[in-house]
Amino acid sequence: IIGLEKPDSGTVEINGVDLFKLTKSQLPHTVKNMGMLFQGAALFDSMTIAENTAFYLRQHDCGLSDQEICERVDAALAKVGLEGVQHKMPSDLSGGMRKRAGLARLLVYRPSILLYDEPTTGLDPVSARQINKLIVQTQEELQGTSIVVTHDIEQALEISDRVALLTHGKLRFVGTPAAFRASSDPVVRAFADRQ
């Protein structure tokens, strides 16, 4: 969806623009309002948490002063409950804290489309609930579009207003969490009954 890989077939359209009909120079402009929380948080090991959080703002000319960037970084880290970790390195943080730092990196530049790749994988249940709560809060704050890829059906039903079930490379179901729970489709039932 963000253009890192090209699909084998079909299209990926963002606001009516097919990403894979764009030139390499056009793609960054089209996806600049997209952000991604990678499964492993994808923090740079050699940068502090503040530097990681500010990375996008410093790499793209956002018209912000150093002080404004620092204020945005501090505010984003506070929103995810990471006040006071600005000077720590990623290796100093737990897995849940690294995921929250990755989420702060999204918040700092306020994208309108947020992509989450297995955001709770490898986390204990308490940390997973915190991440789910932050995903919902972020969605409400940014009023954008969030797409969460997860194998955790409970998480999908908890945080979503629409659920899509992909099985064997095909969409088997698209609808509300309530419709998912009530589905009579035996494949959907097998997933719905797991939670």
C-alpha atoms as a PDB file:
ATOM      1  CA  ILE A   1       0.000   0.000   0.000  1.00  0.00           C
ATOM      2  CA  ILE A   2       2.852   2.384   0.732  1.00  0.00           C
ATOM      3  CA  GLY A   3       4.695   1.372  -2.433  1.00  0.00           C
ATOM      4  CA  LEU A   4       7.592  -0.605  -0.958  1.00  0.00           C
ATOM      5  CA  GLU A   5       6.712  -3.598  -3.131  1.00  0.00           C
ATOM      6  CA  LYS A   6       4.869  -3.897  -6.419  1.00  0.00           C
ATOM      7  CA  PRO A   7       1.802  -6.168  -6.481  1.00  0.00           C
ATOM      8  CA  ASP A   8       1.761  -9.209  -8.777  1.00  0.00           C
ATOM      9  CA  SER A   9      -1.604  -8.073 -10.114  1.00  0.00           C
ATOM     10  CA  GLY A  10      -4.331  -5.525  -9.463  1.00  0.00           C
ATOM     11  CA  THR A  11      -3.942  -1.928  -8.422  1.00  0.00           C
ATOM     12  CA  VAL A  12      -3.295   0.075  -5.285  1.00  0.00           C
ATOM     13  CA  GLU A  13      -5.119   3.391  -5.439  1.00  0.00           C
ATOM     14  CA  ILE A  14      -4.657   6.227  -2.992  1.00  0.00           C
ATOM     15  CA  ASN A  15      -7.170   9.036  -3.444  1.00  0.00           C
ATOM     16  CA  GLY A  16      -7.868   7.785  -6.973  1.00  0.00           C
ATOM     17  CA  VAL A  17      -4.180   7.554  -7.972  1.00  0.00           C
ATOM     18  CA  ASP A  18      -2.772   4.154  -8.967  1.00  0.00           C
ATOM     19  CA  LEU A  19       0.575   4.046  -7.145  1.00  0.00           C
ATOM     20  CA  PHE A  20       2.149   1.724  -9.675  1.00  0.00           C
ATOM     21  CA  LYS A  21       1.461   3.940 -12.658  1.00  0.00           C
ATOM     22  CA  LEU A  22       3.596   6.640 -11.063  1.00  0.00           C
ATOM     23  CA  THR A  23       7.240   7.235 -11.826  1.00  0.00           C
ATOM     24  CA  LYS A  24       9.828   6.720  -9.091  1.00  0.00           C
ATOM     25  CA  SER A  25      10.000  10.482  -8.620  1.00  0.00           C
ATOM     26  CA  GLN A  26       6.191  10.838  -8.325  1.00  0.00           C
ATOM     27  CA  LEU A  27       5.706   8.049  -5.757  1.00  0.00           C
ATOM     28  CA  PRO A  28       7.237   9.840  -2.725  1.00  0.00           C
ATOM     29  CA  HIS A  29       4.923  12.829  -3.219  1.00  0.00           C
ATOM     30  CA  THR A  30       1.859  10.564  -3.338  1.00  0.00           C
ATOM     31  CA  VAL A  31       2.762   8.554  -0.216  1.00  0.00           C
ATOM     32  CA  LYS A  32       4.116  11.449   1.872  1.00  0.00           C
ATOM     33  CA  ASN A  33       0.916  11.551   3.932  1.00  0.00           C
ATOM     34  CA  MET A  34       1.256   7.877   4.805  1.00  0.00           C
ATOM     35  CA  GLY A  35       2.977   6.448   7.834  1.00  0.00           C
ATOM     36  CA  MET A  36       3.790   2.935   8.927  1.00  0.00           C
ATOM     37  CA  LEU A  37       4.359   1.178  12.203  1.00  0.00           C
ATOM     38  CA  PHE A  38       6.509  -1.793  11.273  1.00  0.00           C
ATOM     39  CA  GLN A  39       6.149  -5.107  13.080  1.00  0.00           C
ATOM     40  CA  GLY A  40       9.513  -4.692  14.781  1.00  0.00           C
ATOM     41  CA  ALA A  41       9.087  -0.897  15.234  1.00  0.00           C
ATOM     42  CA  ALA A  42      12.078  -0.380  12.853  1.00  0.00           C
ATOM     43  CA  LEU A  43      13.886   2.105  15.074  1.00  0.00           C
ATOM     44  CA  PHE A  44      17.424   3.070  14.133  1.00  0.00           C
ATOM     45  CA  ASP A  45      19.731   1.472  16.726  1.00  0.00           C
ATOM     46  CA  SER A  46      22.328   4.246  16.446  1.00  0.00           C
ATOM     47  CA  MET A  47      19.838   7.062  17.168  1.00  0.00           C
ATOM     48  CA  THR A  48      18.229   8.132  20.400  1.00  0.00           C
ATOM     49  CA  ILE A  49      14.466   7.839  20.785  1.00  0.00           C
ATOM     50  CA  ALA A  50      14.143  11.600  20.174  1.00  0.00           C
ATOM     51  CA  GLU A  51      16.236  11.333  16.988  1.00  0.00           C
ATOM     52  CA  ASN A  52      14.175   8.364  15.811  1.00  0.00           C
ATOM     53  CA  THR A  53      10.936  10.211  16.506  1.00  0.00           C
ATOM     54  CA  ALA A  54      12.127  13.348  14.692  1.00  0.00           C
ATOM     55  CA  PHE A  55      13.574  11.411  11.747  1.00  0.00           C
ATOM     56  CA  TYR A  56      10.784  12.139   9.234  1.00  0.00           C
ATOM     57  CA  LEU A  57      10.616  15.823  10.143  1.00  0.00           C
ATOM     58  CA  ARG A  58      14.372  16.204   9.739  1.00  0.00           C
ATOM     59  CA  GLN A  59      14.533  14.231   6.474  1.00  0.00           C
ATOM     60  CA  HIS A  60      11.742  16.214   4.817  1.00  0.00           C
ATOM     61  CA  ASP A  61      11.640  19.963   4.782  1.00  0.00           C
ATOM     62  CA  CYS A  62       8.551  20.483   6.916  1.00  0.00           C
ATOM     63  CA  GLY A  63       9.226  24.170   7.547  1.00  0.00           C
ATOM     64  CA  LEU A  64       9.665  23.625  11.295  1.00  0.00           C
ATOM     65  CA  SER A  65      12.371  25.130  13.481  1.00  0.00           C
ATOM     66  CA  ASP A  66      14.523  22.902  15.707  1.00  0.00           C
ATOM     67  CA  GLN A  67      12.501  24.066  18.699  1.00  0.00           C
ATOM     68  CA  GLU A  68       9.198  23.195  16.983  1.00  0.00           C
ATOM     69  CA  ILE A  69      10.540  19.748  16.081  1.00  0.00           C
ATOM     70  CA  CYS A  70      11.625  19.164  19.689  1.00  0.00           C
ATOM     71  CA  GLU A  71       8.201  20.274  20.941  1.00  0.00           C
ATOM     72  CA  ARG A  72       6.446  17.895  18.517  1.00  0.00           C
ATOM     73  CA  VAL A  73       8.741  15.045  19.537  1.00  0.00           C
ATOM     74  CA  ASP A  74       8.106  15.665  23.237  1.00  0.00           C
ATOM     75  CA  ALA A  75       4.336  15.874  22.668  1.00  0.00           C
ATOM     76  CA  ALA A  76       4.276  12.679  20.562  1.00  0.00           C
ATOM     77  CA  LEU A  77       6.292  10.748  23.137  1.00  0.00           C
ATOM     78  CA  ALA A  78       4.020  12.031  25.917  1.00  0.00           C
ATOM     79  CA  LYS A  79       0.937  10.839  24.000  1.00  0.00           C
ATOM     80  CA  VAL A  80       2.296   7.304  23.935  1.00  0.00           C
ATOM     81  CA  GLY A  81       3.404   7.382  27.576  1.00  0.00           C
ATOM     82  CA  LEU A  82       7.133   7.719  26.920  1.00  0.00           C
ATOM     83  CA  GLU A  83       7.943  10.974  28.663  1.00  0.00           C
ATOM     84  CA  GLY A  84      11.601  11.226  29.659  1.00  0.00           C
ATOM     85  CA  VAL A  85      13.023   8.631  27.252  1.00  0.00           C
ATOM     86  CA  GLN A  86      14.199  11.097  24.612  1.00  0.00           C
ATOM     87  CA  HIS A  87      17.910  10.422  25.251  1.00  0.00           C
ATOM     88  CA  LYS A  88      17.620   6.648  25.602  1.00  0.00           C
ATOM     89  CA  MET A  89      18.600   4.246  22.855  1.00  0.00           C
ATOM     90  CA  PRO A  90      16.136   1.698  21.410  1.00  0.00           C
ATOM     91  CA  SER A  91      18.076  -1.127  23.095  1.00  0.00           C
ATOM     92  CA  ASP A  92      17.247   0.463  26.476  1.00  0.00           C
ATOM     93  CA  LEU A  93      13.491   0.009  25.910  1.00  0.00           C
ATOM     94  CA  SER A  94      11.206  -3.012  26.237  1.00  0.00           C
ATOM     95  CA  GLY A  95       9.409  -4.386  23.173  1.00  0.00           C
ATOM     96  CA  GLY A  96       6.198  -2.564  24.068  1.00  0.00           C
ATOM     97  CA  MET A  97       8.068   0.693  24.610  1.00  0.00           C
ATOM     98  CA  ARG A  98       9.795   0.332  21.215  1.00  0.00           C
ATOM     99  CA  LYS A  99       6.380  -0.144  19.558  1.00  0.00           C
ATOM    100  CA  ARG A 100       5.116   2.987  21.314  1.00  0.00           C
ATOM    101  CA  ALA A 101       8.229   4.886  20.160  1.00  0.00           C
ATOM    102  CA  GLY A 102       7.471   3.758  16.608  1.00  0.00           C
ATOM    103  CA  LEU A 103       3.920   5.039  17.040  1.00  0.00           C
ATOM    104  CA  ALA A 104       5.256   8.377  18.322  1.00  0.00           C
ATOM    105  CA  ARG A 105       7.289   8.618  15.108  1.00  0.00           C
ATOM    106  CA  LEU A 106       3.972   8.434  13.209  1.00  0.00           C
ATOM    107  CA  LEU A 107       2.230  10.945  15.439  1.00  0.00           C
ATOM    108  CA  VAL A 108       4.968  13.538  15.096  1.00  0.00           C
ATOM    109  CA  TYR A 109       4.280  14.190  11.418  1.00  0.00           C
ATOM    110  CA  ARG A 110       0.533  13.520  11.471  1.00  0.00           C
ATOM    111  CA  PRO A 111      -0.042  11.353   8.385  1.00  0.00           C
ATOM    112  CA  SER A 112      -3.576  10.923   7.090  1.00  0.00           C
ATOM    113  CA  ILE A 113      -3.100   7.221   6.292  1.00  0.00           C
ATOM    114  CA  LEU A 114      -1.577   4.981   8.957  1.00  0.00           C
ATOM    115  CA  LEU A 115      -0.441   1.433   8.252  1.00  0.00           C
ATOM    116  CA  TYR A 116       0.232  -1.053  11.044  1.00  0.00           C
ATOM    117  CA  ASP A 117       2.041  -4.320  10.407  1.00  0.00           C
ATOM    118  CA  GLU A 118       1.226  -6.821  13.177  1.00  0.00           C
ATOM    119  CA  PRO A 119       1.435  -4.097  15.852  1.00  0.00           C
ATOM    120  CA  THR A 120       1.047  -6.428  18.855  1.00  0.00           C
ATOM    121  CA  THR A 121       3.144  -9.405  17.729  1.00  0.00           C
ATOM    122  CA  GLY A 122       5.507 -10.548  20.458  1.00  0.00           C
ATOM    123  CA  LEU A 123       3.957  -8.365  23.152  1.00  0.00           C
ATOM    124  CA  ASP A 124       2.508  -9.492  26.446  1.00  0.00           C
ATOM    125  CA  PRO A 125      -1.281  -9.034  26.833  1.00  0.00           C
ATOM    126  CA  VAL A 126      -0.958  -5.810  28.871  1.00  0.00           C
ATOM    127  CA  SER A 127       1.370  -4.183  26.320  1.00  0.00           C
ATOM    128  CA  ALA A 128      -0.837  -5.405  23.466  1.00  0.00           C
ATOM    129  CA  ARG A 129      -3.897  -3.736  25.049  1.00  0.00           C
ATOM    130  CA  GLN A 130      -1.909  -0.504  25.446  1.00  0.00           C
ATOM    131  CA  ILE A 131      -0.955  -0.565  21.765  1.00  0.00           C
ATOM    132  CA  ASN A 132      -4.581  -1.260  20.752  1.00  0.00           C
ATOM    133  CA  LYS A 133      -5.751   1.679  22.852  1.00  0.00           C
ATOM    134  CA  LEU A 134      -3.095   3.932  21.280  1.00  0.00           C
ATOM    135  CA  ILE A 135      -4.111   2.855  17.770  1.00  0.00           C
ATOM    136  CA  VAL A 136      -7.719   3.851  18.486  1.00  0.00           C
ATOM    137  CA  GLN A 137      -6.659   7.148  20.106  1.00  0.00           C
ATOM    138  CA  THR A 138      -4.362   7.948  17.181  1.00  0.00           C
ATOM    139  CA  GLN A 139      -7.140   7.223  14.699  1.00  0.00           C
ATOM    140  CA  GLU A 140      -9.523   9.519  16.588  1.00  0.00           C
ATOM    141  CA  GLU A 141      -6.939  12.298  16.870  1.00  0.00           C
ATOM    142  CA  LEU A 142      -5.739  12.269  13.262  1.00  0.00           C
ATOM    143  CA  GLN A 143      -9.167  11.536  11.714  1.00  0.00           C
ATOM    144  CA  GLY A 144      -7.464   9.639   8.945  1.00  0.00           C
ATOM    145  CA  THR A 145      -7.477   6.094   7.665  1.00  0.00           C
ATOM    146  CA  SER A 146      -5.873   3.273   9.617  1.00  0.00           C
ATOM    147  CA  ILE A 147      -5.142  -0.132   8.126  1.00  0.00           C
ATOM    148  CA  VAL A 148      -4.036  -2.810  10.566  1.00  0.00           C
ATOM    149  CA  VAL A 149      -2.681  -6.137   9.338  1.00  0.00           C
ATOM    150  CA  THR A 150      -2.980  -8.687  12.125  1.00  0.00           C
ATOM    151  CA  HIS A 151      -3.456 -12.375  12.822  1.00  0.00           C
ATOM    152  CA  ASP A 152      -5.046 -11.433  16.152  1.00  0.00           C
ATOM    153  CA  ILE A 153      -8.788 -11.636  15.485  1.00  0.00           C
ATOM    154  CA  GLU A 154      -9.626 -10.249  18.929  1.00  0.00           C
ATOM    155  CA  GLN A 155      -7.478  -7.190  18.228  1.00  0.00           C
ATOM    156  CA  ALA A 156      -9.023  -6.706  14.791  1.00  0.00           C
ATOM    157  CA  LEU A 157     -12.544  -6.787  16.188  1.00  0.00           C
ATOM    158  CA  GLU A 158     -11.640  -4.521  19.115  1.00  0.00           C
ATOM    159  CA  ILE A 159     -10.037  -1.670  17.178  1.00  0.00           C
ATOM    160  CA  SER A 160     -11.816  -1.744  13.818  1.00  0.00           C
ATOM    161  CA  ASP A 161     -14.945  -0.251  12.347  1.00  0.00           C
ATOM    162  CA  ARG A 162     -14.485  -2.537   9.314  1.00  0.00           C
ATOM    163  CA  VAL A 163     -12.822  -5.931   9.110  1.00  0.00           C
ATOM    164  CA  ALA A 164     -11.492  -7.711   6.040  1.00  0.00           C
ATOM    165  CA  LEU A 165     -10.601 -11.401   6.222  1.00  0.00           C
ATOM    166  CA  LEU A 166      -7.996 -12.509   3.703  1.00  0.00           C
ATOM    167  CA  THR A 167      -7.685 -16.267   3.183  1.00  0.00           C
ATOM    168  CA  HIS A 168      -5.735 -18.046   0.450  1.00  0.00           C
ATOM    169  CA  GLY A 169      -4.996 -14.730  -1.261  1.00  0.00           C
ATOM    170  CA  LYS A 170      -8.652 -13.708  -1.565  1.00  0.00           C
ATOM    171  CA  LEU A 171     -10.912 -11.449   0.463  1.00  0.00           C
ATOM    172  CA  ARG A 172     -13.418 -13.756   2.142  1.00  0.00           C
ATOM    173  CA  PHE A 173     -15.217 -11.129   4.204  1.00  0.00           C
ATOM    174  CA  VAL A 174     -15.462  -7.326   4.422  1.00  0.00           C
ATOM    175  CA  GLY A 175     -17.827  -5.732   6.918  1.00  0.00           C
ATOM    176  CA  THR A 176     -18.348  -4.519  10.450  1.00  0.00           C
ATOM    177  CA  PRO A 177     -17.078  -6.420  13.489  1.00  0.00           C
ATOM    178  CA  ALA A 178     -20.710  -7.177  14.408  1.00  0.00           C
ATOM    179  CA  ALA A 179     -21.357  -8.653  10.946  1.00  0.00           C
ATOM    180  CA  PHE A 180     -18.135 -10.673  11.246  1.00  0.00           C
ATOM    181  CA  ARG A 181     -19.250 -12.141  14.576  1.00  0.00           C
ATOM    182  CA  ALA A 182     -22.705 -12.924  13.159  1.00  0.00           C
ATOM    183  CA  SER A 183     -21.533 -14.371   9.836  1.00  0.00           C
ATOM    184  CA  SER A 184     -22.783 -17.825   8.855  1.00  0.00           C
ATOM    185  CA  ASP A 185     -19.857 -18.374   6.462  1.00  0.00           C
ATOM    186  CA  PRO A 186     -18.050 -21.437   7.898  1.00  0.00           C
ATOM    187  CA  VAL A 187     -14.583 -19.972   7.216  1.00  0.00           C
ATOM    188  CA  VAL A 188     -15.462 -16.692   8.924  1.00  0.00           C
ATOM    189  CA  ARG A 189     -17.099 -18.647  11.773  1.00  0.00           C
ATOM    190  CA  ALA A 190     -13.862 -20.569  12.321  1.00  0.00           C
ATOM    191  CA  PHE A 191     -12.079 -17.265  12.948  1.00  0.00           C
ATOM    192  CA  ALA A 192     -14.905 -15.580  14.849  1.00  0.00           C
ATOM    193  CA  ASP A 193     -15.230 -18.534  17.222  1.00  0.00           C
ATOM    194  CA  ARG A 194     -11.523 -18.306  18.177  1.00  0.00           C
ATOM    195  CA  GLN A 195     -11.967 -15.169  20.247  1.00  0.00           C
END
